[in-house]
Amino acid sequence: MAMAAKTTIVQVDRFVELGEIDPEQVITPGIYVDRVMEVEAS
């Protein structure tokens, strides 16, 4: 879906440093992301 969209927005719980998570856990590659929105987990 992200490949076909004009704008892709990703919602994250928190930002992490490069290399802090396993790349296999990333669902949408960053090349397809236009905006990132951080939302605190409740």
N, C-alpha and C. Protein backbone atom coordinates (compact mmCIF):
# COMPACT_ATOMS: atom_id res chain seq x y z
N MET A 1 0.82 -1.17 0.00
CA MET A 1 0.00 0.00 0.00
C MET A 1 0.87 1.25 0.00
N ALA A 2 1.94 1.25 0.79
CA ALA A 2 2.81 2.43 0.87
C ALA A 2 3.44 2.76 -0.48
N MET A 3 3.71 1.75 -1.29
CA MET A 3 4.29 1.99 -2.61
C MET A 3 3.32 2.71 -3.54
N ALA A 4 2.02 2.47 -3.36
CA ALA A 4 1.01 3.05 -4.24
C ALA A 4 0.50 4.40 -3.75
N ALA A 5 0.74 4.73 -2.49
CA ALA A 5 0.20 5.96 -1.90
C ALA A 5 1.01 7.18 -2.31
N LYS A 6 0.34 8.33 -2.38
CA LYS A 6 1.04 9.59 -2.65
C LYS A 6 1.78 10.06 -1.39
N THR A 7 1.17 9.82 -0.22
CA THR A 7 1.78 10.20 1.06
C THR A 7 1.61 9.04 2.03
N THR A 8 2.70 8.67 2.70
CA THR A 8 2.66 7.61 3.71
C THR A 8 3.04 8.21 5.05
N ILE A 9 2.16 8.01 6.05
CA ILE A 9 2.39 8.52 7.41
C ILE A 9 2.57 7.32 8.32
N VAL A 10 3.63 7.34 9.13
CA VAL A 10 3.91 6.25 10.05
C VAL A 10 3.69 6.75 11.47
N GLN A 11 2.98 5.97 12.28
CA GLN A 11 2.76 6.29 13.69
C GLN A 11 3.69 5.41 14.52
N VAL A 12 4.49 6.03 15.38
CA VAL A 12 5.44 5.30 16.23
C VAL A 12 5.20 5.62 17.69
N ASP A 13 5.54 4.67 18.58
CA ASP A 13 5.44 4.90 20.02
C ASP A 13 6.61 5.76 20.50
N ARG A 14 7.78 5.50 19.91
CA ARG A 14 8.98 6.26 20.29
C ARG A 14 10.03 6.11 19.20
N PHE A 15 10.94 7.06 19.15
CA PHE A 15 12.05 7.00 18.22
C PHE A 15 13.20 6.24 18.87
N VAL A 16 13.94 5.48 18.10
CA VAL A 16 15.09 4.73 18.61
C VAL A 16 16.31 5.09 17.78
N GLU A 17 17.47 4.80 18.32
CA GLU A 17 18.73 5.04 17.61
C GLU A 17 18.90 4.02 16.49
N LEU A 18 19.64 4.39 15.48
CA LEU A 18 19.94 3.51 14.36
C LEU A 18 20.61 2.23 14.87
N GLY A 19 20.10 1.08 14.46
CA GLY A 19 20.66 -0.20 14.87
C GLY A 19 20.09 -0.75 16.17
N GLU A 20 19.19 -0.01 16.81
CA GLU A 20 18.64 -0.43 18.10
C GLU A 20 17.59 -1.53 17.98
N ILE A 21 16.95 -1.65 16.81
CA ILE A 21 15.97 -2.72 16.61
C ILE A 21 16.40 -3.61 15.45
N ASP A 22 15.87 -4.81 15.44
CA ASP A 22 16.16 -5.77 14.38
C ASP A 22 15.47 -5.31 13.09
N PRO A 23 16.20 -5.20 11.99
CA PRO A 23 15.60 -4.76 10.73
C PRO A 23 14.42 -5.63 10.27
N GLU A 24 14.37 -6.88 10.70
CA GLU A 24 13.26 -7.77 10.34
C GLU A 24 11.94 -7.34 10.99
N GLN A 25 12.00 -6.47 12.02
CA GLN A 25 10.80 -5.99 12.69
C GLN A 25 10.18 -4.78 11.97
N VAL A 26 10.89 -4.23 11.01
CA VAL A 26 10.40 -3.07 10.28
C VAL A 26 9.48 -3.54 9.17
N ILE A 27 8.23 -3.05 9.19
CA ILE A 27 7.24 -3.51 8.22
C ILE A 27 7.29 -2.68 6.94
N THR A 28 7.37 -1.36 7.07
CA THR A 28 7.40 -0.47 5.90
C THR A 28 8.78 0.17 5.80
N PRO A 29 9.52 -0.10 4.73
CA PRO A 29 10.84 0.51 4.56
C PRO A 29 10.77 2.04 4.55
N GLY A 30 11.75 2.68 5.12
CA GLY A 30 11.78 4.13 5.24
C GLY A 30 11.72 4.89 3.94
N ILE A 31 12.13 4.27 2.85
CA ILE A 31 12.10 4.94 1.55
C ILE A 31 10.68 5.29 1.14
N TYR A 32 9.68 4.60 1.67
CA TYR A 32 8.28 4.86 1.34
C TYR A 32 7.60 5.79 2.32
N VAL A 33 8.29 6.21 3.38
CA VAL A 33 7.69 7.03 4.44
C VAL A 33 7.93 8.51 4.17
N ASP A 34 6.84 9.29 4.19
CA ASP A 34 6.92 10.73 3.98
C ASP A 34 6.84 11.51 5.29
N ARG A 35 6.06 11.00 6.24
CA ARG A 35 5.87 11.69 7.53
C ARG A 35 5.92 10.67 8.65
N VAL A 36 6.43 11.09 9.82
CA VAL A 36 6.46 10.25 11.00
C VAL A 36 5.78 11.01 12.13
N MET A 37 4.85 10.34 12.82
CA MET A 37 4.12 10.95 13.91
C MET A 37 4.34 10.12 15.17
N GLU A 38 4.92 10.75 16.19
CA GLU A 38 5.18 10.05 17.45
C GLU A 38 3.97 10.21 18.36
N VAL A 39 3.42 9.09 18.84
CA VAL A 39 2.28 9.08 19.74
C VAL A 39 2.67 8.27 20.97
N GLU A 40 2.55 8.88 22.14
CA GLU A 40 2.90 8.18 23.37
C GLU A 40 1.95 7.01 23.61
N ALA A 41 2.53 5.87 24.01
CA ALA A 41 1.74 4.70 24.34
C ALA A 41 1.02 4.94 25.67
N SER A 42 -0.22 4.51 25.74
CA SER A 42 -0.96 4.72 27.00
C SER A 42 -1.19 3.44 27.75
